[in-house]
Amino acid sequence: PTCTTCRKSKAYLEKRGANLELRNLDTERLSESELDKLIGKRDHREFLNTRNELYRSRKMKDNPPSRAEAIQLMATNPNLIRRPVTISGAQIILGYDEPGFKKLTA
């Protein structure tokens, strides 16, 4: 509810008629196993929120955490996850991605 990008994405998808199931990651955190499954074979660094204070203070751009460390950090610090995470079948869209959303709702 406090994430402006999430609210913008939600409004856009609802306007296009998408049926949404929402999860507030602040109150319903993703477990390490859920994150591991979600990331799958993708690059775990794509899931890191580059605007997050922890990301910047630990200089993760230049010194990215290992997959296991990133998953552990995201499980305990949900704001480190790039949001929103939009899932439709096997497709995952991170952040506000209008072209990606259009493909999902076409």
PDB file of N, CA and C in Angstrom:
ATOM      1  N   PRO A   1       0.800  -1.219   0.000  1.00  0.00           N
ATOM      2  CA  PRO A   1       0.000   0.000   0.000  1.00  0.00           C
ATOM      3  C   PRO A   1       0.846   1.289   0.000  1.00  0.00           C
ATOM      4  N   THR A   2       2.082   1.225   0.493  1.00  0.00           N
ATOM      5  CA  THR A   2       2.906   2.433   0.544  1.00  0.00           C
ATOM      6  C   THR A   2       3.818   2.573  -0.666  1.00  0.00           C
ATOM      7  N   CYS A   3       3.895   1.560  -1.491  1.00  0.00           N
ATOM      8  CA  CYS A   3       4.783   1.561  -2.660  1.00  0.00           C
ATOM      9  C   CYS A   3       4.064   2.232  -3.834  1.00  0.00           C
ATOM     10  N   THR A   4       4.557   3.386  -4.265  1.00  0.00           N
ATOM     11  CA  THR A   4       3.906   4.111  -5.360  1.00  0.00           C
ATOM     12  C   THR A   4       3.979   3.335  -6.671  1.00  0.00           C
ATOM     13  N   THR A   5       5.076   2.647  -6.917  1.00  0.00           N
ATOM     14  CA  THR A   5       5.204   1.855  -8.140  1.00  0.00           C
ATOM     15  C   THR A   5       4.193   0.708  -8.142  1.00  0.00           C
ATOM     16  N   CYS A   6       3.975   0.115  -6.977  1.00  0.00           N
ATOM     17  CA  CYS A   6       2.993  -0.965  -6.862  1.00  0.00           C
ATOM     18  C   CYS A   6       1.582  -0.436  -7.121  1.00  0.00           C
ATOM     19  N   ARG A   7       1.274   0.707  -6.547  1.00  0.00           N
ATOM     20  CA  ARG A   7      -0.057   1.302  -6.746  1.00  0.00           C
ATOM     21  C   ARG A   7      -0.274   1.658  -8.217  1.00  0.00           C
ATOM     22  N   LYS A   8       0.742   2.221  -8.844  1.00  0.00           N
ATOM     23  CA  LYS A   8       0.657   2.585 -10.259  1.00  0.00           C
ATOM     24  C   LYS A   8       0.457   1.338 -11.119  1.00  0.00           C
ATOM     25  N   SER A   9       1.196   0.285 -10.828  1.00  0.00           N
ATOM     26  CA  SER A   9       1.070  -0.971 -11.574  1.00  0.00           C
ATOM     27  C   SER A   9      -0.307  -1.585 -11.382  1.00  0.00           C
ATOM     28  N   LYS A  10      -0.775  -1.590 -10.157  1.00  0.00           N
ATOM     29  CA  LYS A  10      -2.095  -2.155  -9.834  1.00  0.00           C
ATOM     30  C   LYS A  10      -3.178  -1.413 -10.614  1.00  0.00           C
ATOM     31  N   ALA A  11      -3.121  -0.088 -10.600  1.00  0.00           N
ATOM     32  CA  ALA A  11      -4.122   0.716 -11.312  1.00  0.00           C
ATOM     33  C   ALA A  11      -4.080   0.429 -12.812  1.00  0.00           C
ATOM     34  N   TYR A  12      -2.889   0.339 -13.367  1.00  0.00           N
ATOM     35  CA  TYR A  12      -2.741   0.077 -14.796  1.00  0.00           C
ATOM     36  C   TYR A  12      -3.319  -1.291 -15.157  1.00  0.00           C
ATOM     37  N   LEU A  13      -2.966  -2.308 -14.385  1.00  0.00           N
ATOM     38  CA  LEU A  13      -3.435  -3.663 -14.672  1.00  0.00           C
ATOM     39  C   LEU A  13      -4.950  -3.791 -14.486  1.00  0.00           C
ATOM     40  N   GLU A  14      -5.488  -3.175 -13.445  1.00  0.00           N
ATOM     41  CA  GLU A  14      -6.937  -3.227 -13.229  1.00  0.00           C
ATOM     42  C   GLU A  14      -7.677  -2.521 -14.364  1.00  0.00           C
ATOM     43  N   LYS A  15      -7.116  -1.422 -14.827  1.00  0.00           N
ATOM     44  CA  LYS A  15      -7.726  -0.680 -15.941  1.00  0.00           C
ATOM     45  C   LYS A  15      -7.786  -1.556 -17.198  1.00  0.00           C
ATOM     46  N   ARG A  16      -6.816  -2.447 -17.349  1.00  0.00           N
ATOM     47  CA  ARG A  16      -6.776  -3.359 -18.503  1.00  0.00           C
ATOM     48  C   ARG A  16      -7.562  -4.646 -18.235  1.00  0.00           C
ATOM     49  N   GLY A  17      -8.254  -4.725 -17.099  1.00  0.00           N
ATOM     50  CA  GLY A  17      -9.123  -5.858 -16.814  1.00  0.00           C
ATOM     51  C   GLY A  17      -8.449  -7.066 -16.188  1.00  0.00           C
ATOM     52  N   ALA A  18      -7.235  -6.893 -15.673  1.00  0.00           N
ATOM     53  CA  ALA A  18      -6.527  -8.018 -15.062  1.00  0.00           C
ATOM     54  C   ALA A  18      -7.171  -8.400 -13.735  1.00  0.00           C
ATOM     55  N   ASN A  19      -7.223  -9.691 -13.474  1.00  0.00           N
ATOM     56  CA  ASN A  19      -7.705 -10.213 -12.202  1.00  0.00           C
ATOM     57  C   ASN A  19      -6.481 -10.394 -11.310  1.00  0.00           C
ATOM     58  N   LEU A  20      -6.373  -9.614 -10.250  1.00  0.00           N
ATOM     59  CA  LEU A  20      -5.160  -9.586  -9.440  1.00  0.00           C
ATOM     60  C   LEU A  20      -5.333 -10.281  -8.106  1.00  0.00           C
ATOM     61  N   GLU A  21      -4.283 -10.953  -7.696  1.00  0.00           N
ATOM     62  CA  GLU A  21      -4.178 -11.498  -6.344  1.00  0.00           C
ATOM     63  C   GLU A  21      -3.000 -10.753  -5.727  1.00  0.00           C
ATOM     64  N   LEU A  22      -3.264  -9.987  -4.677  1.00  0.00           N
ATOM     65  CA  LEU A  22      -2.238  -9.121  -4.106  1.00  0.00           C
ATOM     66  C   LEU A  22      -1.642  -9.708  -2.841  1.00  0.00           C
ATOM     67  N   ARG A  23      -0.379  -9.380  -2.625  1.00  0.00           N
ATOM     68  CA  ARG A  23       0.317  -9.812  -1.407  1.00  0.00           C
ATOM     69  C   ARG A  23       1.191  -8.657  -0.944  1.00  0.00           C
ATOM     70  N   ASN A  24       0.968  -8.208   0.275  1.00  0.00           N
ATOM     71  CA  ASN A  24       1.772  -7.141   0.857  1.00  0.00           C
ATOM     72  C   ASN A  24       3.037  -7.774   1.439  1.00  0.00           C
ATOM     73  N   LEU A  25       4.171  -7.537   0.798  1.00  0.00           N
ATOM     74  CA  LEU A  25       5.414  -8.184   1.216  1.00  0.00           C
ATOM     75  C   LEU A  25       5.929  -7.676   2.558  1.00  0.00           C
ATOM     76  N   ASP A  26       5.420  -6.535   3.004  1.00  0.00           N
ATOM     77  CA  ASP A  26       5.820  -6.049   4.327  1.00  0.00           C
ATOM     78  C   ASP A  26       5.194  -6.888   5.435  1.00  0.00           C
ATOM     79  N   THR A  27       3.952  -7.313   5.215  1.00  0.00           N
ATOM     80  CA  THR A  27       3.256  -8.080   6.252  1.00  0.00           C
ATOM     81  C   THR A  27       3.224  -9.578   5.961  1.00  0.00           C
ATOM     82  N   GLU A  28       3.355  -9.950   4.688  1.00  0.00           N
ATOM     83  CA  GLU A  28       3.366 -11.360   4.281  1.00  0.00           C
ATOM     84  C   GLU A  28       4.651 -11.622   3.506  1.00  0.00           C
ATOM     85  N   ARG A  29       5.732 -11.653   4.211  1.00  0.00           N
ATOM     86  CA  ARG A  29       7.045 -11.784   3.577  1.00  0.00           C
ATOM     87  C   ARG A  29       7.186 -13.089   2.804  1.00  0.00           C
ATOM     88  N   LEU A  30       8.033 -13.019   1.779  1.00  0.00           N
ATOM     89  CA  LEU A  30       8.368 -14.230   1.033  1.00  0.00           C
ATOM     90  C   LEU A  30       9.436 -14.997   1.805  1.00  0.00           C
ATOM     91  N   SER A  31       9.265 -16.288   1.911  1.00  0.00           N
ATOM     92  CA  SER A  31      10.264 -17.111   2.591  1.00  0.00           C
ATOM     93  C   SER A  31      11.447 -17.325   1.648  1.00  0.00           C
ATOM     94  N   GLU A  32      12.534 -17.830   2.191  1.00  0.00           N
ATOM     95  CA  GLU A  32      13.706 -18.124   1.365  1.00  0.00           C
ATOM     96  C   GLU A  32      13.349 -19.152   0.288  1.00  0.00           C
ATOM     97  N   SER A  33      12.557 -20.157   0.639  1.00  0.00           N
ATOM     98  CA  SER A  33      12.196 -21.172  -0.364  1.00  0.00           C
ATOM     99  C   SER A  33      11.292 -20.576  -1.444  1.00  0.00           C
ATOM    100  N   GLU A  34      10.378 -19.684  -1.068  1.00  0.00           N
ATOM    101  CA  GLU A  34       9.530 -19.021  -2.063  1.00  0.00           C
ATOM    102  C   GLU A  34      10.369 -18.162  -3.001  1.00  0.00           C
ATOM    103  N   LEU A  35      11.320 -17.430  -2.438  1.00  0.00           N
ATOM    104  CA  LEU A  35      12.196 -16.598  -3.261  1.00  0.00           C
ATOM    105  C   LEU A  35      13.045 -17.443  -4.199  1.00  0.00           C
ATOM    106  N   ASP A  36      13.562 -18.546  -3.688  1.00  0.00           N
ATOM    107  CA  ASP A  36      14.375 -19.441  -4.506  1.00  0.00           C
ATOM    108  C   ASP A  36      13.564 -19.960  -5.695  1.00  0.00           C
ATOM    109  N   LYS A  37      12.339 -20.376  -5.428  1.00  0.00           N
ATOM    110  CA  LYS A  37      11.457 -20.878  -6.483  1.00  0.00           C
ATOM    111  C   LYS A  37      11.086 -19.758  -7.455  1.00  0.00           C
ATOM    112  N   LEU A  38      10.792 -18.575  -6.927  1.00  0.00           N
ATOM    113  CA  LEU A  38      10.415 -17.429  -7.750  1.00  0.00           C
ATOM    114  C   LEU A  38      11.544 -17.031  -8.701  1.00  0.00           C
ATOM    115  N   ILE A  39      12.743 -16.956  -8.183  1.00  0.00           N
ATOM    116  CA  ILE A  39      13.893 -16.563  -8.990  1.00  0.00           C
ATOM    117  C   ILE A  39      14.222 -17.643 -10.017  1.00  0.00           C
ATOM    118  N   GLY A  40      14.102 -18.895  -9.601  1.00  0.00           N
ATOM    119  CA  GLY A  40      14.348 -19.994 -10.522  1.00  0.00           C
ATOM    120  C   GLY A  40      15.732 -19.904 -11.142  1.00  0.00           C
ATOM    121  N   LYS A  41      15.794 -19.967 -12.471  1.00  0.00           N
ATOM    122  CA  LYS A  41      17.074 -19.929 -13.178  1.00  0.00           C
ATOM    123  C   LYS A  41      17.457 -18.507 -13.602  1.00  0.00           C
ATOM    124  N   ARG A  42      16.641 -17.540 -13.196  1.00  0.00           N
ATOM    125  CA  ARG A  42      16.931 -16.148 -13.551  1.00  0.00           C
ATOM    126  C   ARG A  42      18.114 -15.621 -12.735  1.00  0.00           C
ATOM    127  N   ASP A  43      18.647 -14.513 -13.183  1.00  0.00           N
ATOM    128  CA  ASP A  43      19.730 -13.849 -12.456  1.00  0.00           C
ATOM    129  C   ASP A  43      19.144 -13.206 -11.202  1.00  0.00           C
ATOM    130  N   HIS A  44      19.593 -13.625 -10.047  1.00  0.00           N
ATOM    131  CA  HIS A  44      19.048 -13.111  -8.778  1.00  0.00           C
ATOM    132  C   HIS A  44      19.245 -11.610  -8.632  1.00  0.00           C
ATOM    133  N   ARG A  45      20.226 -11.052  -9.290  1.00  0.00           N
ATOM    134  CA  ARG A  45      20.501  -9.613  -9.170  1.00  0.00           C
ATOM    135  C   ARG A  45      19.378  -8.765  -9.746  1.00  0.00           C
ATOM    136  N   GLU A  46      18.618  -9.319 -10.695  1.00  0.00           N
ATOM    137  CA  GLU A  46      17.476  -8.599 -11.266  1.00  0.00           C
ATOM    138  C   GLU A  46      16.395  -8.344 -10.217  1.00  0.00           C
ATOM    139  N   PHE A  47      16.349  -9.150  -9.192  1.00  0.00           N
ATOM    140  CA  PHE A  47      15.316  -9.046  -8.163  1.00  0.00           C
ATOM    141  C   PHE A  47      15.679  -8.042  -7.056  1.00  0.00           C
ATOM    142  N   LEU A  48      16.894  -7.518  -7.093  1.00  0.00           N
ATOM    143  CA  LEU A  48      17.340  -6.580  -6.069  1.00  0.00           C
ATOM    144  C   LEU A  48      16.899  -5.159  -6.404  1.00  0.00           C
ATOM    145  N   ASN A  49      16.354  -4.482  -5.421  1.00  0.00           N
ATOM    146  CA  ASN A  49      15.897  -3.105  -5.572  1.00  0.00           C
ATOM    147  C   ASN A  49      17.095  -2.166  -5.428  1.00  0.00           C
ATOM    148  N   THR A  50      17.518  -1.597  -6.547  1.00  0.00           N
ATOM    149  CA  THR A  50      18.710  -0.745  -6.552  1.00  0.00           C
ATOM    150  C   THR A  50      18.502   0.559  -5.804  1.00  0.00           C
ATOM    151  N   ARG A  51      17.263   0.908  -5.511  1.00  0.00           N
ATOM    152  CA  ARG A  51      16.974   2.141  -4.763  1.00  0.00           C
ATOM    153  C   ARG A  51      16.981   1.932  -3.248  1.00  0.00           C
ATOM    154  N   ASN A  52      17.072   0.696  -2.833  1.00  0.00           N
ATOM    155  CA  ASN A  52      17.032   0.362  -1.409  1.00  0.00           C
ATOM    156  C   ASN A  52      18.311   0.803  -0.707  1.00  0.00           C
ATOM    157  N   GLU A  53      18.168   1.281   0.523  1.00  0.00           N
ATOM    158  CA  GLU A  53      19.305   1.765   1.308  1.00  0.00           C
ATOM    159  C   GLU A  53      20.335   0.669   1.557  1.00  0.00           C
ATOM    160  N   LEU A  54      19.888  -0.530   1.854  1.00  0.00           N
ATOM    161  CA  LEU A  54      20.805  -1.649   2.095  1.00  0.00           C
ATOM    162  C   LEU A  54      21.608  -1.949   0.826  1.00  0.00           C
ATOM    163  N   TYR A  55      20.943  -1.907  -0.318  1.00  0.00           N
ATOM    164  CA  TYR A  55      21.617  -2.136  -1.597  1.00  0.00           C
ATOM    165  C   TYR A  55      22.744  -1.111  -1.779  1.00  0.00           C
ATOM    166  N   ARG A  56      22.423   0.144  -1.503  1.00  0.00           N
ATOM    167  CA  ARG A  56      23.414   1.209  -1.695  1.00  0.00           C
ATOM    168  C   ARG A  56      24.511   1.162  -0.645  1.00  0.00           C
ATOM    169  N   SER A  57      24.148   0.953   0.611  1.00  0.00           N
ATOM    170  CA  SER A  57      25.151   0.968   1.681  1.00  0.00           C
ATOM    171  C   SER A  57      26.135  -0.196   1.568  1.00  0.00           C
ATOM    172  N   ARG A  58      25.648  -1.327   1.050  1.00  0.00           N
ATOM    173  CA  ARG A  58      26.534  -2.492   0.875  1.00  0.00           C
ATOM    174  C   ARG A  58      27.198  -2.517  -0.503  1.00  0.00           C
ATOM    175  N   LYS A  59      26.935  -1.466  -1.295  1.00  0.00           N
ATOM    176  CA  LYS A  59      27.535  -1.324  -2.627  1.00  0.00           C
ATOM    177  C   LYS A  59      27.340  -2.595  -3.462  1.00  0.00           C
ATOM    178  N   MET A  60      26.093  -3.060  -3.485  1.00  0.00           N
ATOM    179  CA  MET A  60      25.778  -4.307  -4.174  1.00  0.00           C
ATOM    180  C   MET A  60      25.941  -4.207  -5.686  1.00  0.00           C
ATOM    181  N   LYS A  61      25.900  -2.992  -6.229  1.00  0.00           N
ATOM    182  CA  LYS A  61      26.099  -2.854  -7.672  1.00  0.00           C
ATOM    183  C   LYS A  61      27.501  -3.330  -8.052  1.00  0.00           C
ATOM    184  N   ASP A  62      28.493  -2.903  -7.272  1.00  0.00           N
ATOM    185  CA  ASP A  62      29.879  -3.267  -7.559  1.00  0.00           C
ATOM    186  C   ASP A  62      30.280  -4.599  -6.928  1.00  0.00           C
ATOM    187  N   ASN A  63      29.599  -4.965  -5.862  1.00  0.00           N
ATOM    188  CA  ASN A  63      29.933  -6.186  -5.141  1.00  0.00           C
ATOM    189  C   ASN A  63      28.641  -6.952  -4.825  1.00  0.00           C
ATOM    190  N   PRO A  64      28.012  -7.540  -5.869  1.00  0.00           N
ATOM    191  CA  PRO A  64      26.721  -8.198  -5.652  1.00  0.00           C
ATOM    192  C   PRO A  64      26.834  -9.407  -4.730  1.00  0.00           C
ATOM    193  N   PRO A  65      25.789  -9.636  -3.932  1.00  0.00           N
ATOM    194  CA  PRO A  65      25.793 -10.806  -3.063  1.00  0.00           C
ATOM    195  C   PRO A  65      25.621 -12.081  -3.888  1.00  0.00           C
ATOM    196  N   SER A  66      26.027 -13.191  -3.299  1.00  0.00           N
ATOM    197  CA  SER A  66      25.781 -14.482  -3.936  1.00  0.00           C
ATOM    198  C   SER A  66      24.275 -14.706  -3.979  1.00  0.00           C
ATOM    199  N   ARG A  67      23.850 -15.661  -4.754  1.00  0.00           N
ATOM    200  CA  ARG A  67      22.422 -15.984  -4.844  1.00  0.00           C
ATOM    201  C   ARG A  67      21.855 -16.311  -3.467  1.00  0.00           C
ATOM    202  N   ALA A  68      22.544 -17.176  -2.732  1.00  0.00           N
ATOM    203  CA  ALA A  68      22.066 -17.586  -1.400  1.00  0.00           C
ATOM    204  C   ALA A  68      21.983 -16.395  -0.456  1.00  0.00           C
ATOM    205  N   GLU A  69      23.002 -15.539  -0.474  1.00  0.00           N
ATOM    206  CA  GLU A  69      22.992 -14.368   0.407  1.00  0.00           C
ATOM    207  C   GLU A  69      21.887 -13.404  -0.003  1.00  0.00           C
ATOM    208  N   ALA A  70      21.693 -13.197  -1.309  1.00  0.00           N
ATOM    209  CA  ALA A  70      20.645 -12.300  -1.788  1.00  0.00           C
ATOM    210  C   ALA A  70      19.273 -12.797  -1.345  1.00  0.00           C
ATOM    211  N   ILE A  71      19.043 -14.096  -1.473  1.00  0.00           N
ATOM    212  CA  ILE A  71      17.758 -14.673  -1.062  1.00  0.00           C
ATOM    213  C   ILE A  71      17.541 -14.473   0.432  1.00  0.00           C
ATOM    214  N   GLN A  72      18.569 -14.723   1.223  1.00  0.00           N
ATOM    215  CA  GLN A  72      18.457 -14.536   2.672  1.00  0.00           C
ATOM    216  C   GLN A  72      18.177 -13.063   2.999  1.00  0.00           C
ATOM    217  N   LEU A  73      18.869 -12.157   2.350  1.00  0.00           N
ATOM    218  CA  LEU A  73      18.674 -10.723   2.593  1.00  0.00           C
ATOM    219  C   LEU A  73      17.277 -10.270   2.178  1.00  0.00           C
ATOM    220  N   MET A  74      16.795 -10.740   1.038  1.00  0.00           N
ATOM    221  CA  MET A  74      15.455 -10.355   0.580  1.00  0.00           C
ATOM    222  C   MET A  74      14.367 -10.927   1.487  1.00  0.00           C
ATOM    223  N   ALA A  75      14.591 -12.124   2.024  1.00  0.00           N
ATOM    224  CA  ALA A  75      13.607 -12.731   2.925  1.00  0.00           C
ATOM    225  C   ALA A  75      13.483 -11.939   4.225  1.00  0.00           C
ATOM    226  N   THR A  76      14.595 -11.383   4.685  1.00  0.00           N
ATOM    227  CA  THR A  76      14.557 -10.624   5.941  1.00  0.00           C
ATOM    228  C   THR A  76      14.347  -9.129   5.734  1.00  0.00           C
ATOM    229  N   ASN A  77      14.596  -8.644   4.522  1.00  0.00           N
ATOM    230  CA  ASN A  77      14.421  -7.221   4.202  1.00  0.00           C
ATOM    231  C   ASN A  77      13.582  -7.109   2.928  1.00  0.00           C
ATOM    232  N   PRO A  78      12.259  -7.219   3.044  1.00  0.00           N
ATOM    233  CA  PRO A  78      11.421  -7.265   1.838  1.00  0.00           C
ATOM    234  C   PRO A  78      11.534  -6.024   0.951  1.00  0.00           C
ATOM    235  N   ASN A  79      11.956  -4.892   1.504  1.00  0.00           N
ATOM    236  CA  ASN A  79      12.121  -3.709   0.667  1.00  0.00           C
ATOM    237  C   ASN A  79      13.317  -3.831  -0.275  1.00  0.00           C
ATOM    238  N   LEU A  80      14.138  -4.832  -0.077  1.00  0.00           N
ATOM    239  CA  LEU A  80      15.258  -5.088  -0.974  1.00  0.00           C
ATOM    240  C   LEU A  80      14.791  -5.785  -2.260  1.00  0.00           C
ATOM    241  N   ILE A  81      13.562  -6.290  -2.261  1.00  0.00           N
ATOM    242  CA  ILE A  81      12.999  -6.938  -3.443  1.00  0.00           C
ATOM    243  C   ILE A  81      12.471  -5.863  -4.385  1.00  0.00           C
ATOM    244  N   ARG A  82      12.832  -5.959  -5.635  1.00  0.00           N
ATOM    245  CA  ARG A  82      12.324  -5.030  -6.633  1.00  0.00           C
ATOM    246  C   ARG A  82      10.837  -5.310  -6.817  1.00  0.00           C
ATOM    247  N   ARG A  83      10.034  -4.278  -6.624  1.00  0.00           N
ATOM    248  CA  ARG A  83       8.586  -4.442  -6.660  1.00  0.00           C
ATOM    249  C   ARG A  83       7.956  -3.502  -7.668  1.00  0.00           C
ATOM    250  N   PRO A  84       6.747  -3.829  -8.082  1.00  0.00           N
ATOM    251  CA  PRO A  84       6.006  -5.042  -7.761  1.00  0.00           C
ATOM    252  C   PRO A  84       6.560  -6.248  -8.506  1.00  0.00           C
ATOM    253  N   VAL A  85       6.231  -7.394  -7.992  1.00  0.00           N
ATOM    254  CA  VAL A  85       6.539  -8.658  -8.673  1.00  0.00           C
ATOM    255  C   VAL A  85       5.208  -9.127  -9.247  1.00  0.00           C
ATOM    256  N   THR A  86       5.112  -9.106 -10.569  1.00  0.00           N
ATOM    257  CA  THR A  86       3.879  -9.505 -11.245  1.00  0.00           C
ATOM    258  C   THR A  86       4.120 -10.860 -11.895  1.00  0.00           C
ATOM    259  N   ILE A  87       3.261 -11.821 -11.544  1.00  0.00           N
ATOM    260  CA  ILE A  87       3.424 -13.192 -12.025  1.00  0.00           C
ATOM    261  C   ILE A  87       2.170 -13.601 -12.791  1.00  0.00           C
ATOM    262  N   SER A  88       2.387 -14.140 -13.976  1.00  0.00           N
ATOM    263  CA  SER A  88       1.298 -14.709 -14.757  1.00  0.00           C
ATOM    264  C   SER A  88       1.838 -15.975 -15.402  1.00  0.00           C
ATOM    265  N   GLY A  89       1.433 -17.117 -14.874  1.00  0.00           N
ATOM    266  CA  GLY A  89       1.974 -18.384 -15.351  1.00  0.00           C
ATOM    267  C   GLY A  89       3.468 -18.434 -15.087  1.00  0.00           C
ATOM    268  N   ALA A  90       4.247 -18.663 -16.138  1.00  0.00           N
ATOM    269  CA  ALA A  90       5.702 -18.723 -15.997  1.00  0.00           C
ATOM    270  C   ALA A  90       6.353 -17.360 -16.192  1.00  0.00           C
ATOM    271  N   GLN A  91       5.565 -16.352 -16.544  1.00  0.00           N
ATOM    272  CA  GLN A  91       6.109 -15.013 -16.777  1.00  0.00           C
ATOM    273  C   GLN A  91       6.193 -14.229 -15.478  1.00  0.00           C
ATOM    274  N   ILE A  92       7.315 -13.524 -15.306  1.00  0.00           N
ATOM    275  CA  ILE A  92       7.512 -12.657 -14.152  1.00  0.00           C
ATOM    276  C   ILE A  92       7.948 -11.297 -14.666  1.00  0.00           C
ATOM    277  N   ILE A  93       7.273 -10.272 -14.168  1.00  0.00           N
ATOM    278  CA  ILE A  93       7.634  -8.903 -14.504  1.00  0.00           C
ATOM    279  C   ILE A  93       8.006  -8.208 -13.206  1.00  0.00           C
ATOM    280  N   LEU A  94       9.163  -7.568 -13.209  1.00  0.00           N
ATOM    281  CA  LEU A  94       9.626  -6.845 -12.029  1.00  0.00           C
ATOM    282  C   LEU A  94       9.499  -5.351 -12.276  1.00  0.00           C
ATOM    283  N   GLY A  95       8.944  -4.641 -11.300  1.00  0.00           N
ATOM    284  CA  GLY A  95       8.784  -3.205 -11.423  1.00  0.00           C
ATOM    285  C   GLY A  95       7.629  -2.842 -12.336  1.00  0.00           C
ATOM    286  N   TYR A  96       7.530  -1.554 -12.635  1.00  0.00           N
ATOM    287  CA  TYR A  96       6.479  -1.058 -13.525  1.00  0.00           C
ATOM    288  C   TYR A  96       6.981  -1.205 -14.947  1.00  0.00           C
ATOM    289  N   ASP A  97       6.339  -2.081 -15.722  1.00  0.00           N
ATOM    290  CA  ASP A  97       6.774  -2.383 -17.084  1.00  0.00           C
ATOM    291  C   ASP A  97       5.540  -2.422 -17.987  1.00  0.00           C
ATOM    292  N   GLU A  98       5.169  -1.241 -18.508  1.00  0.00           N
ATOM    293  CA  GLU A  98       3.965  -1.147 -19.325  1.00  0.00           C
ATOM    294  C   GLU A  98       3.967  -2.108 -20.516  1.00  0.00           C
ATOM    295  N   PRO A  99       5.061  -2.184 -21.303  1.00  0.00           N
ATOM    296  CA  PRO A  99       5.054  -3.143 -22.417  1.00  0.00           C
ATOM    297  C   PRO A  99       4.852  -4.587 -21.939  1.00  0.00           C
ATOM    298  N   GLY A 100       5.478  -4.936 -20.824  1.00  0.00           N
ATOM    299  CA  GLY A 100       5.294  -6.275 -20.269  1.00  0.00           C
ATOM    300  C   GLY A 100       3.873  -6.504 -19.808  1.00  0.00           C
ATOM    301  N   PHE A 101       3.278  -5.494 -19.157  1.00  0.00           N
ATOM    302  CA  PHE A 101       1.897  -5.603 -18.700  1.00  0.00           C
ATOM    303  C   PHE A 101       0.939  -5.756 -19.893  1.00  0.00           C
ATOM    304  N   LYS A 102       1.216  -5.039 -20.977  1.00  0.00           N
ATOM    305  CA  LYS A 102       0.349  -5.132 -22.161  1.00  0.00           C
ATOM    306  C   LYS A 102       0.352  -6.554 -22.713  1.00  0.00           C
ATOM    307  N   LYS A 103       1.522  -7.199 -22.717  1.00  0.00           N
ATOM    308  CA  LYS A 103       1.603  -8.572 -23.200  1.00  0.00           C
ATOM    309  C   LYS A 103       0.794  -9.511 -22.310  1.00  0.00           C
ATOM    310  N   LEU A 104       0.815  -9.255 -20.995  1.00  0.00           N
ATOM    311  CA  LEU A 104       0.078 -10.119 -20.068  1.00  0.00           C
ATOM    312  C   LEU A 104      -1.426  -9.971 -20.227  1.00  0.00           C
ATOM    313  N   THR A 105      -1.877  -8.775 -20.558  1.00  0.00           N
ATOM    314  CA  THR A 105      -3.326  -8.508 -20.587  1.00  0.00           C
ATOM    315  C   THR A 105      -3.875  -8.446 -22.008  1.00  0.00           C
ATOM    316  N   ALA A 106      -3.075  -8.825 -22.989  1.00  0.00           N
ATOM    317  CA  ALA A 106      -3.555  -8.759 -24.392  1.00  0.00           C
ATOM    318  C   ALA A 106      -4.580  -9.816 -24.675  1.00  0.00           C
TER     319      ALA A 106
END
